[in-house]
Amino acid sequence: MIPVTRLNGSPMWVNALLIEMVEETPDTYITLITGKRMIVLEKAAQVTSLVQEYNKSIGTLTGTIKVQHMEELE
């Protein structure tokens, strides 16, 4: 889980493994693989950094990068 902040200032924790996309337009939207979207106060770069740190802590970062790189080659 990664900590993020709702627009009203309250904290919430999101399962980083369920995040499909993070976009900044200018609000930061997190889209989950379920299709649910949420707006958070953190910038997109900060959210993606939190996801990377979480993935490193559970040992999935290397696999994620390799899969993304392989998909880009296709």
C-alpha atoms as a PDB file:
ATOM      1  CA  MET A   1       0.000   0.000   0.000  1.00  0.00           C
ATOM      2  CA  ILE A   2       1.163   3.540  -0.703  1.00  0.00           C
ATOM      3  CA  PRO A   3      -0.001   6.626   1.205  1.00  0.00           C
ATOM      4  CA  VAL A   4      -1.706   9.404  -0.759  1.00  0.00           C
ATOM      5  CA  THR A   5      -3.875  12.385   0.170  1.00  0.00           C
ATOM      6  CA  ARG A   6      -7.454  13.002  -0.934  1.00  0.00           C
ATOM      7  CA  LEU A   7      -8.427  16.483  -2.130  1.00  0.00           C
ATOM      8  CA  ASN A   8     -10.064  17.179   1.259  1.00  0.00           C
ATOM      9  CA  GLY A   9      -6.714  16.530   2.989  1.00  0.00           C
ATOM     10  CA  SER A  10      -7.539  13.139   4.460  1.00  0.00           C
ATOM     11  CA  PRO A  11      -4.996  10.374   4.037  1.00  0.00           C
ATOM     12  CA  MET A  12      -5.717   7.104   2.256  1.00  0.00           C
ATOM     13  CA  TRP A  13      -3.684   4.081   1.278  1.00  0.00           C
ATOM     14  CA  VAL A  14      -3.854   2.571  -2.206  1.00  0.00           C
ATOM     15  CA  ASN A  15      -2.799  -0.924  -3.219  1.00  0.00           C
ATOM     16  CA  ALA A  16       0.131  -0.132  -5.520  1.00  0.00           C
ATOM     17  CA  LEU A  17      -0.291  -3.443  -7.357  1.00  0.00           C
ATOM     18  CA  LEU A  18      -3.736  -2.354  -8.563  1.00  0.00           C
ATOM     19  CA  ILE A  19      -2.587   0.942 -10.118  1.00  0.00           C
ATOM     20  CA  GLU A  20      -2.893   0.885 -13.886  1.00  0.00           C
ATOM     21  CA  MET A  21      -2.178   4.524 -14.703  1.00  0.00           C
ATOM     22  CA  VAL A  22      -1.236   7.846 -13.090  1.00  0.00           C
ATOM     23  CA  GLU A  23      -1.906  11.060 -14.983  1.00  0.00           C
ATOM     24  CA  GLU A  24      -1.588  14.760 -14.207  1.00  0.00           C
ATOM     25  CA  THR A  25      -4.042  17.062 -16.018  1.00  0.00           C
ATOM     26  CA  PRO A  26      -3.332  19.301 -13.845  1.00  0.00           C
ATOM     27  CA  ASP A  27      -4.950  17.290 -11.021  1.00  0.00           C
ATOM     28  CA  THR A  28      -3.351  13.923 -10.379  1.00  0.00           C
ATOM     29  CA  TYR A  29      -5.625  11.009 -11.242  1.00  0.00           C
ATOM     30  CA  ILE A  30      -4.884   7.437 -10.211  1.00  0.00           C
ATOM     31  CA  THR A  31      -6.693   4.793 -12.259  1.00  0.00           C
ATOM     32  CA  LEU A  32      -6.902   1.284 -10.856  1.00  0.00           C
ATOM     33  CA  ILE A  33      -7.126  -1.895 -12.921  1.00  0.00           C
ATOM     34  CA  THR A  34     -10.744  -2.117 -11.739  1.00  0.00           C
ATOM     35  CA  GLY A  35     -11.507   1.122 -13.603  1.00  0.00           C
ATOM     36  CA  LYS A  36     -11.963   3.155 -10.412  1.00  0.00           C
ATOM     37  CA  ARG A  37     -10.382   6.628 -10.594  1.00  0.00           C
ATOM     38  CA  MET A  38      -9.379   8.906  -7.764  1.00  0.00           C
ATOM     39  CA  ILE A  39      -7.909  12.391  -7.522  1.00  0.00           C
ATOM     40  CA  VAL A  40      -5.025  12.971  -5.100  1.00  0.00           C
ATOM     41  CA  LEU A  41      -2.996  15.984  -3.988  1.00  0.00           C
ATOM     42  CA  GLU A  42       0.398  14.423  -4.760  1.00  0.00           C
ATOM     43  CA  LYS A  43       2.012  15.078  -8.126  1.00  0.00           C
ATOM     44  CA  ALA A  44       2.197  12.188 -10.617  1.00  0.00           C
ATOM     45  CA  ALA A  45       5.985  11.930 -10.239  1.00  0.00           C
ATOM     46  CA  GLN A  46       5.610  11.509  -6.485  1.00  0.00           C
ATOM     47  CA  VAL A  47       2.957   8.792  -6.881  1.00  0.00           C
ATOM     48  CA  THR A  48       5.053   6.864  -9.397  1.00  0.00           C
ATOM     49  CA  SER A  49       8.070   7.175  -7.094  1.00  0.00           C
ATOM     50  CA  LEU A  50       6.016   5.737  -4.212  1.00  0.00           C
ATOM     51  CA  VAL A  51       4.915   2.848  -6.444  1.00  0.00           C
ATOM     52  CA  GLN A  52       8.526   2.161  -7.471  1.00  0.00           C
ATOM     53  CA  GLU A  53       9.670   2.213  -3.833  1.00  0.00           C
ATOM     54  CA  TYR A  54       6.864  -0.167  -2.890  1.00  0.00           C
ATOM     55  CA  ASN A  55       7.738  -2.527  -5.747  1.00  0.00           C
ATOM     56  CA  LYS A  56      11.399  -2.509  -4.698  1.00  0.00           C
ATOM     57  CA  SER A  57      10.407  -3.326  -1.117  1.00  0.00           C
ATOM     58  CA  ILE A  58       8.519  -6.454  -2.222  1.00  0.00           C
ATOM     59  CA  GLY A  59      10.959  -7.396  -4.993  1.00  0.00           C
ATOM     60  CA  THR A  60       8.753  -6.788  -8.049  1.00  0.00           C
ATOM     61  CA  LEU A  61      10.386  -3.689  -9.592  1.00  0.00           C
ATOM     62  CA  THR A  62      12.821  -5.581 -11.812  1.00  0.00           C
ATOM     63  CA  GLY A  63      10.088  -7.797 -13.242  1.00  0.00           C
ATOM     64  CA  THR A  64       7.820  -4.821 -13.885  1.00  0.00           C
ATOM     65  CA  ILE A  65      10.512  -2.908 -15.779  1.00  0.00           C
ATOM     66  CA  LYS A  66      11.397  -5.949 -17.891  1.00  0.00           C
ATOM     67  CA  VAL A  67       7.759  -6.550 -18.837  1.00  0.00           C
ATOM     68  CA  GLN A  68       7.277  -2.888 -19.751  1.00  0.00           C
ATOM     69  CA  HIS A  69      10.461  -2.911 -21.823  1.00  0.00           C
ATOM     70  CA  MET A  70       9.416  -6.080 -23.657  1.00  0.00           C
ATOM     71  CA  GLU A  71       5.986  -4.595 -24.397  1.00  0.00           C
ATOM     72  CA  GLU A  72       7.637  -1.479 -25.859  1.00  0.00           C
ATOM     73  CA  LEU A  73       9.650  -3.632 -28.282  1.00  0.00           C
ATOM     74  CA  GLU A  74       6.543  -5.218 -29.801  1.00  0.00           C
END
